[in-house]
């Protein structure tokens, strides 16, 4: 499984996660060891194409990511 598949697989199951949380879920769900920087790097192109969204969490200030409806449809 590639890093991209792991990150997208995590976001299909759990929305609004930080890159650190994505890293943890990728390891638990798929046994893939990635860094938070890898997770955010994978998501950069998805955010640019409108398939994912990102916004700072108001409570912690950390960036959270999610798949948009368009992204969920395209990534079925």
PDB file of N, CA and C in Angstrom:
ATOM      1  N   UNK A   1       0.843  -1.172   0.000  1.00  0.00           N
ATOM      2  CA  UNK A   1       0.000   0.000   0.000  1.00  0.00           C
ATOM      3  C   UNK A   1       0.893   1.241   0.000  1.00  0.00           C
ATOM      4  N   UNK A   2       0.547   2.192  -0.840  1.00  0.00           N
ATOM      5  CA  UNK A   2       1.330   3.423  -0.926  1.00  0.00           C
ATOM      6  C   UNK A   2       0.898   4.411   0.159  1.00  0.00           C
ATOM      7  N   UNK A   3       1.722   5.416   0.370  1.00  0.00           N
ATOM      8  CA  UNK A   3       1.383   6.461   1.345  1.00  0.00           C
ATOM      9  C   UNK A   3       0.087   7.155   0.956  1.00  0.00           C
ATOM     10  N   UNK A   4      -0.088   7.407  -0.332  1.00  0.00           N
ATOM     11  CA  UNK A   4      -1.282   8.089  -0.820  1.00  0.00           C
ATOM     12  C   UNK A   4      -2.531   7.262  -0.522  1.00  0.00           C
ATOM     13  N   UNK A   5      -2.470   5.970  -0.782  1.00  0.00           N
ATOM     14  CA  UNK A   5      -3.614   5.093  -0.510  1.00  0.00           C
ATOM     15  C   UNK A   5      -3.938   5.051   0.980  1.00  0.00           C
ATOM     16  N   UNK A   6      -2.908   5.051   1.810  1.00  0.00           N
ATOM     17  CA  UNK A   6      -3.120   5.009   3.260  1.00  0.00           C
ATOM     18  C   UNK A   6      -3.784   6.295   3.745  1.00  0.00           C
ATOM     19  N   UNK A   7      -3.303   7.441   3.295  1.00  0.00           N
ATOM     20  CA  UNK A   7      -3.860   8.725   3.734  1.00  0.00           C
ATOM     21  C   UNK A   7      -5.318   8.851   3.297  1.00  0.00           C
ATOM     22  N   UNK A   8      -5.599   8.513   2.049  1.00  0.00           N
ATOM     23  CA  UNK A   8      -6.968   8.600   1.544  1.00  0.00           C
ATOM     24  C   UNK A   8      -7.858   7.587   2.254  1.00  0.00           C
ATOM     25  N   UNK A   9      -7.350   6.394   2.508  1.00  0.00           N
ATOM     26  CA  UNK A   9      -8.116   5.376   3.231  1.00  0.00           C
ATOM     27  C   UNK A   9      -8.494   5.834   4.627  1.00  0.00           C
ATOM     28  N   UNK A  10      -7.586   6.511   5.299  1.00  0.00           N
ATOM     29  CA  UNK A  10      -7.870   7.040   6.639  1.00  0.00           C
ATOM     30  C   UNK A  10      -8.950   8.108   6.558  1.00  0.00           C
ATOM     31  N   UNK A  11      -8.827   9.036   5.607  1.00  0.00           N
ATOM     32  CA  UNK A  11      -9.795  10.120   5.519  1.00  0.00           C
ATOM     33  C   UNK A  11     -11.171   9.653   5.036  1.00  0.00           C
ATOM     34  N   UNK A  12     -11.226   8.522   4.370  1.00  0.00           N
ATOM     35  CA  UNK A  12     -12.531   7.975   3.991  1.00  0.00           C
ATOM     36  C   UNK A  12     -13.283   7.485   5.221  1.00  0.00           C
ATOM     37  N   UNK A  13     -12.547   7.031   6.221  1.00  0.00           N
ATOM     38  CA  UNK A  13     -13.156   6.503   7.444  1.00  0.00           C
ATOM     39  C   UNK A  13     -13.335   7.563   8.532  1.00  0.00           C
ATOM     40  N   UNK A  14     -12.403   8.505   8.610  1.00  0.00           N
ATOM     41  CA  UNK A  14     -12.413   9.520   9.673  1.00  0.00           C
ATOM     42  C   UNK A  14     -12.210  10.886   9.039  1.00  0.00           C
ATOM     43  N   UNK A  15     -13.066  11.833   9.374  1.00  0.00           N
ATOM     44  CA  UNK A  15     -12.903  13.161   8.797  1.00  0.00           C
ATOM     45  C   UNK A  15     -12.331  14.131   9.823  1.00  0.00           C
ATOM     46  N   UNK A  16     -11.853  15.248   9.330  1.00  0.00           N
ATOM     47  CA  UNK A  16     -11.322  16.335  10.168  1.00  0.00           C
ATOM     48  C   UNK A  16     -10.210  15.861  11.088  1.00  0.00           C
ATOM     49  N   UNK A  17      -9.127  15.405  10.494  1.00  0.00           N
ATOM     50  CA  UNK A  17      -7.973  14.938  11.255  1.00  0.00           C
ATOM     51  C   UNK A  17      -6.757  15.808  10.973  1.00  0.00           C
ATOM     52  N   UNK A  18      -5.897  15.929  11.972  1.00  0.00           N
ATOM     53  CA  UNK A  18      -4.604  16.578  11.758  1.00  0.00           C
ATOM     54  C   UNK A  18      -3.670  15.576  11.082  1.00  0.00           C
ATOM     55  N   UNK A  19      -2.564  16.060  10.565  1.00  0.00           N
ATOM     56  CA  UNK A  19      -1.618  15.149   9.917  1.00  0.00           C
ATOM     57  C   UNK A  19      -1.034  14.163  10.928  1.00  0.00           C
ATOM     58  N   UNK A  20      -0.893  14.581  12.184  1.00  0.00           N
ATOM     59  CA  UNK A  20      -0.402  13.670  13.213  1.00  0.00           C
ATOM     60  C   UNK A  20      -1.413  12.556  13.475  1.00  0.00           C
ATOM     61  N   UNK A  21      -2.697  12.901  13.501  1.00  0.00           N
ATOM     62  CA  UNK A  21      -3.738  11.888  13.691  1.00  0.00           C
ATOM     63  C   UNK A  21      -3.806  10.950  12.490  1.00  0.00           C
ATOM     64  N   UNK A  22      -3.641  11.482  11.286  1.00  0.00           N
ATOM     65  CA  UNK A  22      -3.631  10.649  10.075  1.00  0.00           C
ATOM     66  C   UNK A  22      -2.495   9.650  10.154  1.00  0.00           C
ATOM     67  N   UNK A  23      -1.330  10.102  10.607  1.00  0.00           N
ATOM     68  CA  UNK A  23      -0.171   9.216  10.776  1.00  0.00           C
ATOM     69  C   UNK A  23      -0.521   8.042  11.688  1.00  0.00           C
ATOM     70  N   UNK A  24      -1.159   8.329  12.825  1.00  0.00           N
ATOM     71  CA  UNK A  24      -1.518   7.274  13.775  1.00  0.00           C
ATOM     72  C   UNK A  24      -2.530   6.296  13.213  1.00  0.00           C
ATOM     73  N   UNK A  25      -3.564   6.819  12.563  1.00  0.00           N
ATOM     74  CA  UNK A  25      -4.578   5.941  11.973  1.00  0.00           C
ATOM     75  C   UNK A  25      -3.996   5.104  10.830  1.00  0.00           C
ATOM     76  N   UNK A  26      -3.104   5.669  10.039  1.00  0.00           N
ATOM     77  CA  UNK A  26      -2.488   4.916   8.940  1.00  0.00           C
ATOM     78  C   UNK A  26      -1.714   3.725   9.489  1.00  0.00           C
ATOM     79  N   UNK A  27      -1.049   3.937  10.604  1.00  0.00           N
ATOM     80  CA  UNK A  27      -0.292   2.835  11.209  1.00  0.00           C
ATOM     81  C   UNK A  27      -1.233   1.776  11.787  1.00  0.00           C
ATOM     82  N   UNK A  28      -2.284   2.210  12.484  1.00  0.00           N
ATOM     83  CA  UNK A  28      -3.220   1.256  13.092  1.00  0.00           C
ATOM     84  C   UNK A  28      -4.057   0.523  12.053  1.00  0.00           C
ATOM     85  N   UNK A  29      -4.537   1.243  11.046  1.00  0.00           N
ATOM     86  CA  UNK A  29      -5.456   0.638  10.079  1.00  0.00           C
ATOM     87  C   UNK A  29      -4.747  -0.186   9.013  1.00  0.00           C
ATOM     88  N   UNK A  30      -3.578   0.296   8.547  1.00  0.00           N
ATOM     89  CA  UNK A  30      -2.927  -0.331   7.390  1.00  0.00           C
ATOM     90  C   UNK A  30      -1.502  -0.796   7.656  1.00  0.00           C
ATOM     91  N   UNK A  31      -0.955  -0.500   8.821  1.00  0.00           N
ATOM     92  CA  UNK A  31       0.417  -0.890   9.123  1.00  0.00           C
ATOM     93  C   UNK A  31       1.444  -0.096   8.346  1.00  0.00           C
ATOM     94  N   UNK A  32       1.065   1.093   7.883  1.00  0.00           N
ATOM     95  CA  UNK A  32       1.962   1.938   7.092  1.00  0.00           C
ATOM     96  C   UNK A  32       2.548   2.999   8.006  1.00  0.00           C
ATOM     97  N   UNK A  33       3.873   3.085   8.044  1.00  0.00           N
ATOM     98  CA  UNK A  33       4.533   4.103   8.858  1.00  0.00           C
ATOM     99  C   UNK A  33       4.847   5.312   7.988  1.00  0.00           C
ATOM    100  N   UNK A  34       4.160   6.407   8.245  1.00  0.00           N
ATOM    101  CA  UNK A  34       4.406   7.657   7.537  1.00  0.00           C
ATOM    102  C   UNK A  34       4.628   8.749   8.571  1.00  0.00           C
ATOM    103  N   UNK A  35       5.176   9.860   8.134  1.00  0.00           N
ATOM    104  CA  UNK A  35       5.356  11.006   9.021  1.00  0.00           C
ATOM    105  C   UNK A  35       4.185  11.969   8.820  1.00  0.00           C
ATOM    106  N   UNK A  36       3.948  12.853   9.768  1.00  0.00           N
ATOM    107  CA  UNK A  36       2.917  13.867   9.572  1.00  0.00           C
ATOM    108  C   UNK A  36       3.199  14.746   8.343  1.00  0.00           C
ATOM    109  N   UNK A  37       4.480  14.990   8.060  1.00  0.00           N
ATOM    110  CA  UNK A  37       4.847  15.783   6.894  1.00  0.00           C
ATOM    111  C   UNK A  37       4.484  15.060   5.596  1.00  0.00           C
ATOM    112  N   UNK A  38       4.617  13.749   5.580  1.00  0.00           N
ATOM    113  CA  UNK A  38       4.224  12.969   4.408  1.00  0.00           C
ATOM    114  C   UNK A  38       2.719  13.049   4.199  1.00  0.00           C
ATOM    115  N   UNK A  39       1.965  12.939   5.281  1.00  0.00           N
ATOM    116  CA  UNK A  39       0.504  13.011   5.189  1.00  0.00           C
ATOM    117  C   UNK A  39       0.069  14.358   4.629  1.00  0.00           C
ATOM    118  N   UNK A  40       0.618  15.449   5.152  1.00  0.00           N
ATOM    119  CA  UNK A  40       0.232  16.765   4.653  1.00  0.00           C
ATOM    120  C   UNK A  40       0.732  16.978   3.235  1.00  0.00           C
ATOM    121  N   UNK A  41       1.861  16.407   2.887  1.00  0.00           N
ATOM    122  CA  UNK A  41       2.373  16.505   1.516  1.00  0.00           C
ATOM    123  C   UNK A  41       1.481  15.786   0.523  1.00  0.00           C
ATOM    124  N   UNK A  42       0.993  14.620   0.897  1.00  0.00           N
ATOM    125  CA  UNK A  42       0.064  13.878   0.040  1.00  0.00           C
ATOM    126  C   UNK A  42      -1.208  14.686  -0.174  1.00  0.00           C
ATOM    127  N   UNK A  43      -1.680  15.326   0.880  1.00  0.00           N
ATOM    128  CA  UNK A  43      -2.945  16.056   0.803  1.00  0.00           C
ATOM    129  C   UNK A  43      -2.838  17.394   0.073  1.00  0.00           C
ATOM    130  N   UNK A  44      -1.636  17.910  -0.088  1.00  0.00           N
ATOM    131  CA  UNK A  44      -1.463  19.208  -0.738  1.00  0.00           C
ATOM    132  C   UNK A  44      -2.076  19.244  -2.128  1.00  0.00           C
ATOM    133  N   UNK A  45      -1.838  18.209  -2.934  1.00  0.00           N
ATOM    134  CA  UNK A  45      -2.395  18.183  -4.295  1.00  0.00           C
ATOM    135  C   UNK A  45      -3.906  17.968  -4.283  1.00  0.00           C
ATOM    136  N   UNK A  46      -4.398  17.215  -3.306  1.00  0.00           N
ATOM    137  CA  UNK A  46      -5.846  17.006  -3.208  1.00  0.00           C
ATOM    138  C   UNK A  46      -6.564  18.295  -2.807  1.00  0.00           C
ATOM    139  N   UNK A  47      -5.960  19.069  -1.926  1.00  0.00           N
ATOM    140  CA  UNK A  47      -6.540  20.352  -1.543  1.00  0.00           C
ATOM    141  C   UNK A  47      -6.553  21.291  -2.744  1.00  0.00           C
ATOM    142  N   UNK A  48      -5.455  21.314  -3.504  1.00  0.00           N
ATOM    143  CA  UNK A  48      -5.363  22.189  -4.676  1.00  0.00           C
ATOM    144  C   UNK A  48      -6.409  21.849  -5.730  1.00  0.00           C
ATOM    145  N   UNK A  49      -6.757  20.574  -5.854  1.00  0.00           N
ATOM    146  CA  UNK A  49      -7.732  20.160  -6.863  1.00  0.00           C
ATOM    147  C   UNK A  49      -9.173  20.185  -6.343  1.00  0.00           C
ATOM    148  N   UNK A  50      -9.366  20.535  -5.080  1.00  0.00           N
ATOM    149  CA  UNK A  50     -10.711  20.617  -4.518  1.00  0.00           C
ATOM    150  C   UNK A  50     -11.260  19.302  -4.011  1.00  0.00           C
ATOM    151  N   UNK A  51     -10.430  18.254  -3.973  1.00  0.00           N
ATOM    152  CA  UNK A  51     -10.888  16.957  -3.501  1.00  0.00           C
ATOM    153  C   UNK A  51     -10.787  16.828  -1.983  1.00  0.00           C
ATOM    154  N   UNK A  52     -10.018  17.701  -1.369  1.00  0.00           N
ATOM    155  CA  UNK A  52      -9.877  17.730   0.081  1.00  0.00           C
ATOM    156  C   UNK A  52      -9.905  19.179   0.531  1.00  0.00           C
ATOM    157  N   UNK A  53     -10.218  19.356   1.795  1.00  0.00           N
ATOM    158  CA  UNK A  53     -10.226  20.694   2.375  1.00  0.00           C
ATOM    159  C   UNK A  53      -9.309  20.740   3.574  1.00  0.00           C
ATOM    160  N   UNK A  54      -8.932  21.950   3.952  1.00  0.00           N
ATOM    161  CA  UNK A  54      -8.111  22.114   5.142  1.00  0.00           C
ATOM    162  C   UNK A  54      -8.465  23.438   5.794  1.00  0.00           C
ATOM    163  N   UNK A  55      -8.315  23.459   7.103  1.00  0.00           N
ATOM    164  CA  UNK A  55      -8.616  24.660   7.865  1.00  0.00           C
ATOM    165  C   UNK A  55      -7.965  24.521   9.233  1.00  0.00           C
ATOM    166  N   UNK A  56      -7.533  25.627   9.828  1.00  0.00           N
ATOM    167  CA  UNK A  56      -6.990  25.518  11.187  1.00  0.00           C
ATOM    168  C   UNK A  56      -8.095  25.218  12.192  1.00  0.00           C
ATOM    169  N   UNK A  57      -7.805  24.321  13.099  1.00  0.00           N
ATOM    170  CA  UNK A  57      -8.743  23.986  14.169  1.00  0.00           C
ATOM    171  C   UNK A  57      -8.827  25.169  15.126  1.00  0.00           C
ATOM    172  N   UNK A  58     -10.036  25.685  15.399  1.00  0.00           N
ATOM    173  CA  UNK A  58     -10.148  26.852  16.271  1.00  0.00           C
ATOM    174  C   UNK A  58      -9.626  26.614  17.695  1.00  0.00           C
ATOM    175  N   UNK A  59      -9.712  25.409  18.181  1.00  0.00           N
ATOM    176  CA  UNK A  59      -9.285  25.120  19.549  1.00  0.00           C
ATOM    177  C   UNK A  59      -7.768  24.993  19.673  1.00  0.00           C
ATOM    178  N   UNK A  60      -7.159  24.249  18.750  1.00  0.00           N
ATOM    179  CA  UNK A  60      -5.725  23.977  18.878  1.00  0.00           C
ATOM    180  C   UNK A  60      -4.870  24.799  17.918  1.00  0.00           C
ATOM    181  N   UNK A  61      -5.472  25.306  16.845  1.00  0.00           N
ATOM    182  CA  UNK A  61      -4.709  26.050  15.847  1.00  0.00           C
ATOM    183  C   UNK A  61      -3.992  25.160  14.845  1.00  0.00           C
ATOM    184  N   UNK A  62      -4.082  23.835  15.011  1.00  0.00           N
ATOM    185  CA  UNK A  62      -3.444  22.903  14.087  1.00  0.00           C
ATOM    186  C   UNK A  62      -4.319  22.721  12.860  1.00  0.00           C
ATOM    187  N   UNK A  63      -3.689  22.461  11.724  1.00  0.00           N
ATOM    188  CA  UNK A  63      -4.405  22.284  10.465  1.00  0.00           C
ATOM    189  C   UNK A  63      -5.119  20.926  10.460  1.00  0.00           C
ATOM    190  N   UNK A  64      -6.397  20.924  10.114  1.00  0.00           N
ATOM    191  CA  UNK A  64      -7.158  19.686   9.978  1.00  0.00           C
ATOM    192  C   UNK A  64      -7.541  19.507   8.515  1.00  0.00           C
ATOM    193  N   UNK A  65      -7.653  18.258   8.098  1.00  0.00           N
ATOM    194  CA  UNK A  65      -7.942  17.903   6.714  1.00  0.00           C
ATOM    195  C   UNK A  65      -9.179  17.031   6.646  1.00  0.00           C
ATOM    196  N   UNK A  66      -9.897  17.098   5.533  1.00  0.00           N
ATOM    197  CA  UNK A  66     -11.058  16.259   5.297  1.00  0.00           C
ATOM    198  C   UNK A  66     -11.245  16.104   3.793  1.00  0.00           C
ATOM    199  N   UNK A  67     -11.981  15.065   3.399  1.00  0.00           N
ATOM    200  CA  UNK A  67     -12.342  14.892   1.995  1.00  0.00           C
ATOM    201  C   UNK A  67     -13.627  15.650   1.722  1.00  0.00           C
ATOM    202  N   UNK A  68     -13.664  16.370   0.617  1.00  0.00           N
ATOM    203  CA  UNK A  68     -14.881  17.064   0.222  1.00  0.00           C
ATOM    204  C   UNK A  68     -15.845  16.063  -0.403  1.00  0.00           C
ATOM    205  N   UNK A  69     -17.081  16.479  -0.613  1.00  0.00           N
ATOM    206  CA  UNK A  69     -18.047  15.606  -1.284  1.00  0.00           C
ATOM    207  C   UNK A  69     -17.547  15.242  -2.668  1.00  0.00           C
ATOM    208  N   UNK A  70     -16.979  16.208  -3.364  1.00  0.00           N
ATOM    209  CA  UNK A  70     -16.392  15.966  -4.697  1.00  0.00           C
ATOM    210  C   UNK A  70     -15.273  14.928  -4.603  1.00  0.00           C
ATOM    211  N   UNK A  71     -14.429  15.060  -3.609  1.00  0.00           N
ATOM    212  CA  UNK A  71     -13.328  14.107  -3.425  1.00  0.00           C
ATOM    213  C   UNK A  71     -13.816  12.717  -3.098  1.00  0.00           C
ATOM    214  N   UNK A  72     -14.814  12.609  -2.250  1.00  0.00           N
ATOM    215  CA  UNK A  72     -15.371  11.292  -1.914  1.00  0.00           C
ATOM    216  C   UNK A  72     -15.943  10.616  -3.149  1.00  0.00           C
ATOM    217  N   UNK A  73     -16.615  11.383  -3.995  1.00  0.00           N
ATOM    218  CA  UNK A  73     -17.206  10.837  -5.220  1.00  0.00           C
ATOM    219  C   UNK A  73     -16.114  10.376  -6.188  1.00  0.00           C
ATOM    220  N   UNK A  74     -15.084  11.188  -6.364  1.00  0.00           N
ATOM    221  CA  UNK A  74     -14.011  10.860  -7.305  1.00  0.00           C
ATOM    222  C   UNK A  74     -13.145   9.696  -6.828  1.00  0.00           C
ATOM    223  N   UNK A  75     -13.041   9.504  -5.536  1.00  0.00           N
ATOM    224  CA  UNK A  75     -12.140   8.491  -4.989  1.00  0.00           C
ATOM    225  C   UNK A  75     -12.827   7.189  -4.615  1.00  0.00           C
ATOM    226  N   UNK A  76     -14.046   6.972  -5.101  1.00  0.00           N
ATOM    227  CA  UNK A  76     -14.756   5.708  -4.803  1.00  0.00           C
ATOM    228  C   UNK A  76     -14.037   4.529  -5.374  1.00  0.00           C
TER     229      UNK A  76
END
